[in-house]
Amino acid sequence: MQLTLGPLQYFWHRDDVFKFYRAAVQWPLDTIYLGETVCSKRRELGTRDWIALANELAESGREIVLSSLALLEAESDLSAL
């Protein structure tokens, strides 16, 4: 059996997101999903932040998956990728 942590579904402040995921590497997880999957207006973390966090978490040996919005409605959503 594998244990996976999905991306956050609610708005969290930037520092809280980093603290949460840094704590999560201590949990018995196989995979951690990162990214904004709910609302394009929630831009507390940018693409560079997510990639930096993914690189940091990958050092723990877990599989890190970057997630994005399922429905891109605006040009700004595409450019954020």
N, C-alpha and C. Protein backbone atom coordinates (compact mmCIF):
# COMPACT_ATOMS: atom_id res chain seq x y z
N MET A 1 0.84 -1.17 0.00
CA MET A 1 0.00 0.00 0.00
C MET A 1 0.89 1.24 0.00
N GLN A 2 0.46 2.27 -0.72
CA GLN A 2 1.18 3.53 -0.74
C GLN A 2 0.32 4.61 -0.10
N LEU A 3 0.99 5.55 0.54
CA LEU A 3 0.30 6.67 1.17
C LEU A 3 0.68 7.95 0.44
N THR A 4 -0.34 8.69 0.00
CA THR A 4 -0.14 9.90 -0.80
C THR A 4 -0.82 11.08 -0.14
N LEU A 5 -0.14 12.23 -0.17
CA LEU A 5 -0.71 13.49 0.31
C LEU A 5 -1.07 14.33 -0.90
N GLY A 6 -2.35 14.65 -1.05
CA GLY A 6 -2.80 15.46 -2.18
C GLY A 6 -2.52 16.94 -1.96
N PRO A 7 -2.73 17.76 -2.99
CA PRO A 7 -2.49 19.19 -2.87
C PRO A 7 -3.51 19.83 -1.93
N LEU A 8 -3.12 20.94 -1.34
CA LEU A 8 -4.01 21.66 -0.43
C LEU A 8 -5.23 22.16 -1.19
N GLN A 9 -6.40 22.00 -0.60
CA GLN A 9 -7.64 22.39 -1.26
C GLN A 9 -8.16 23.75 -0.80
N TYR A 10 -7.58 24.31 0.23
CA TYR A 10 -8.01 25.59 0.77
C TYR A 10 -6.87 26.58 0.70
N PHE A 11 -7.19 27.86 0.81
CA PHE A 11 -6.17 28.90 0.79
C PHE A 11 -5.37 28.88 2.07
N TRP A 12 -4.06 28.82 1.94
CA TRP A 12 -3.14 28.92 3.06
C TRP A 12 -2.15 30.02 2.74
N HIS A 13 -1.69 30.72 3.73
CA HIS A 13 -0.66 31.73 3.53
C HIS A 13 0.66 31.04 3.17
N ARG A 14 1.49 31.75 2.42
CA ARG A 14 2.73 31.20 1.88
C ARG A 14 3.58 30.51 2.94
N ASP A 15 3.85 31.19 4.05
CA ASP A 15 4.70 30.60 5.09
C ASP A 15 4.09 29.34 5.68
N ASP A 16 2.76 29.33 5.83
CA ASP A 16 2.09 28.14 6.37
C ASP A 16 2.20 26.95 5.42
N VAL A 17 2.15 27.22 4.12
CA VAL A 17 2.30 26.14 3.13
C VAL A 17 3.68 25.50 3.26
N PHE A 18 4.72 26.34 3.33
CA PHE A 18 6.08 25.81 3.45
C PHE A 18 6.26 25.04 4.76
N LYS A 19 5.73 25.56 5.85
CA LYS A 19 5.84 24.86 7.15
C LYS A 19 5.14 23.51 7.10
N PHE A 20 3.95 23.49 6.51
CA PHE A 20 3.17 22.26 6.43
C PHE A 20 3.92 21.17 5.66
N TYR A 21 4.42 21.52 4.48
CA TYR A 21 5.10 20.51 3.66
C TYR A 21 6.45 20.11 4.25
N ARG A 22 7.12 21.02 4.93
CA ARG A 22 8.38 20.65 5.59
C ARG A 22 8.11 19.68 6.73
N ALA A 23 6.96 19.82 7.38
CA ALA A 23 6.57 18.85 8.41
C ALA A 23 6.16 17.53 7.78
N ALA A 24 5.53 17.59 6.61
CA ALA A 24 5.01 16.39 5.95
C ALA A 24 6.11 15.40 5.56
N VAL A 25 7.33 15.88 5.36
CA VAL A 25 8.40 14.93 5.00
C VAL A 25 8.75 14.02 6.16
N GLN A 26 8.26 14.33 7.34
CA GLN A 26 8.48 13.46 8.50
C GLN A 26 7.43 12.36 8.60
N TRP A 27 6.38 12.46 7.80
CA TRP A 27 5.29 11.49 7.82
C TRP A 27 5.62 10.32 6.88
N PRO A 28 4.99 9.17 7.09
CA PRO A 28 5.29 8.00 6.25
C PRO A 28 4.59 8.06 4.88
N LEU A 29 4.95 9.05 4.09
CA LEU A 29 4.33 9.27 2.78
C LEU A 29 5.23 8.74 1.67
N ASP A 30 4.60 8.24 0.62
CA ASP A 30 5.34 7.82 -0.57
C ASP A 30 5.36 8.93 -1.62
N THR A 31 4.24 9.65 -1.72
CA THR A 31 4.09 10.67 -2.76
C THR A 31 3.46 11.92 -2.16
N ILE A 32 3.93 13.08 -2.63
CA ILE A 32 3.36 14.36 -2.20
C ILE A 32 3.01 15.16 -3.45
N TYR A 33 1.75 15.57 -3.54
CA TYR A 33 1.29 16.41 -4.64
C TYR A 33 1.32 17.86 -4.19
N LEU A 34 1.86 18.72 -5.04
CA LEU A 34 1.95 20.15 -4.77
C LEU A 34 1.22 20.93 -5.86
N GLY A 35 0.81 22.15 -5.54
CA GLY A 35 0.28 23.04 -6.56
C GLY A 35 -1.12 23.53 -6.26
N GLU A 36 -1.54 24.48 -7.06
CA GLU A 36 -2.88 25.05 -6.94
C GLU A 36 -3.81 24.34 -7.91
N THR A 37 -4.83 23.69 -7.38
CA THR A 37 -5.76 22.92 -8.21
C THR A 37 -7.19 23.43 -8.14
N VAL A 38 -7.44 24.47 -7.35
CA VAL A 38 -8.81 24.91 -7.11
C VAL A 38 -9.15 26.23 -7.77
N CYS A 39 -8.38 27.28 -7.51
CA CYS A 39 -8.75 28.63 -7.94
C CYS A 39 -7.55 29.38 -8.49
N SER A 40 -7.68 29.89 -9.70
CA SER A 40 -6.57 30.59 -10.33
C SER A 40 -6.26 31.93 -9.66
N LYS A 41 -7.17 32.43 -8.87
CA LYS A 41 -6.94 33.71 -8.20
C LYS A 41 -6.09 33.56 -6.93
N ARG A 42 -5.90 32.34 -6.49
CA ARG A 42 -5.06 32.10 -5.31
C ARG A 42 -3.62 31.97 -5.76
N ARG A 43 -2.91 33.06 -5.73
CA ARG A 43 -1.53 33.07 -6.23
C ARG A 43 -0.55 33.42 -5.12
N GLU A 44 -0.77 32.90 -3.96
CA GLU A 44 0.15 33.14 -2.84
C GLU A 44 1.54 32.59 -3.16
N LEU A 45 1.58 31.46 -3.84
CA LEU A 45 2.84 30.87 -4.30
C LEU A 45 2.85 30.87 -5.82
N GLY A 46 3.99 31.23 -6.38
CA GLY A 46 4.14 31.21 -7.82
C GLY A 46 4.77 29.91 -8.28
N THR A 47 4.91 29.77 -9.58
CA THR A 47 5.50 28.56 -10.15
C THR A 47 6.89 28.30 -9.60
N ARG A 48 7.70 29.35 -9.49
CA ARG A 48 9.06 29.18 -8.95
C ARG A 48 9.03 28.69 -7.51
N ASP A 49 8.06 29.18 -6.73
CA ASP A 49 7.94 28.72 -5.34
C ASP A 49 7.62 27.23 -5.29
N TRP A 50 6.66 26.80 -6.12
CA TRP A 50 6.27 25.38 -6.13
C TRP A 50 7.44 24.50 -6.56
N ILE A 51 8.18 24.94 -7.56
CA ILE A 51 9.32 24.15 -8.04
C ILE A 51 10.42 24.09 -6.98
N ALA A 52 10.68 25.22 -6.33
CA ALA A 52 11.69 25.23 -5.26
C ALA A 52 11.27 24.30 -4.13
N LEU A 53 9.99 24.35 -3.76
CA LEU A 53 9.50 23.47 -2.70
C LEU A 53 9.58 22.01 -3.14
N ALA A 54 9.24 21.74 -4.38
CA ALA A 54 9.32 20.36 -4.90
C ALA A 54 10.75 19.84 -4.84
N ASN A 55 11.70 20.66 -5.24
CA ASN A 55 13.11 20.25 -5.18
C ASN A 55 13.54 19.98 -3.75
N GLU A 56 13.12 20.83 -2.84
CA GLU A 56 13.46 20.64 -1.42
C GLU A 56 12.87 19.34 -0.88
N LEU A 57 11.60 19.09 -1.19
CA LEU A 57 10.94 17.89 -0.69
C LEU A 57 11.47 16.62 -1.35
N ALA A 58 11.89 16.72 -2.59
CA ALA A 58 12.42 15.55 -3.31
C ALA A 58 13.67 15.00 -2.64
N GLU A 59 14.39 15.85 -1.94
CA GLU A 59 15.58 15.40 -1.22
C GLU A 59 15.24 14.39 -0.13
N SER A 60 13.97 14.34 0.27
CA SER A 60 13.55 13.39 1.31
C SER A 60 13.35 11.98 0.74
N GLY A 61 13.45 11.85 -0.59
CA GLY A 61 13.29 10.55 -1.21
C GLY A 61 11.87 10.23 -1.63
N ARG A 62 10.95 11.14 -1.40
CA ARG A 62 9.57 10.90 -1.80
C ARG A 62 9.36 11.33 -3.25
N GLU A 63 8.35 10.76 -3.88
CA GLU A 63 7.97 11.20 -5.22
C GLU A 63 7.17 12.49 -5.06
N ILE A 64 7.56 13.52 -5.80
CA ILE A 64 6.87 14.81 -5.74
C ILE A 64 6.21 15.05 -7.09
N VAL A 65 4.93 15.39 -7.06
CA VAL A 65 4.16 15.62 -8.28
C VAL A 65 3.62 17.04 -8.25
N LEU A 66 3.89 17.80 -9.32
CA LEU A 66 3.35 19.15 -9.43
C LEU A 66 1.98 19.07 -10.10
N SER A 67 0.99 19.70 -9.46
CA SER A 67 -0.38 19.68 -9.96
C SER A 67 -0.76 21.08 -10.44
N SER A 68 -1.77 21.14 -11.31
CA SER A 68 -2.24 22.43 -11.80
C SER A 68 -3.76 22.42 -11.85
N LEU A 69 -4.31 23.54 -12.25
CA LEU A 69 -5.76 23.63 -12.41
C LEU A 69 -6.22 22.67 -13.50
N ALA A 70 -7.38 22.08 -13.31
CA ALA A 70 -7.91 21.17 -14.31
C ALA A 70 -8.54 21.94 -15.47
N LEU A 71 -9.09 23.11 -15.18
CA LEU A 71 -9.76 23.92 -16.20
C LEU A 71 -9.10 25.28 -16.25
N LEU A 72 -8.46 25.58 -17.35
CA LEU A 72 -7.82 26.88 -17.54
C LEU A 72 -8.76 27.75 -18.36
N GLU A 73 -9.24 28.83 -17.74
CA GLU A 73 -10.26 29.65 -18.40
C GLU A 73 -9.72 30.93 -19.00
N ALA A 74 -8.56 31.36 -18.60
CA ALA A 74 -8.04 32.65 -19.06
C ALA A 74 -6.60 32.51 -19.53
N GLU A 75 -6.19 33.44 -20.37
CA GLU A 75 -4.81 33.47 -20.85
C GLU A 75 -3.84 33.57 -19.68
N SER A 76 -4.22 34.31 -18.63
CA SER A 76 -3.35 34.45 -17.45
C SER A 76 -3.14 33.11 -16.75
N ASP A 77 -4.14 32.22 -16.80
CA ASP A 77 -3.98 30.89 -16.22
C ASP A 77 -2.91 30.10 -16.98
N LEU A 78 -2.94 30.19 -18.29
CA LEU A 78 -1.94 29.49 -19.11
C LEU A 78 -0.55 30.05 -18.90
N SER A 79 -0.45 31.36 -18.80
CA SER A 79 0.87 31.97 -18.63
C SER A 79 1.46 31.66 -17.26
N ALA A 80 0.62 31.35 -16.28
CA ALA A 80 1.10 31.00 -14.94
C ALA A 80 1.77 29.63 -14.92
N LEU A 81 1.45 28.79 -15.91
CA LEU A 81 2.08 27.48 -15.98
C LEU A 81 3.48 27.64 -16.51
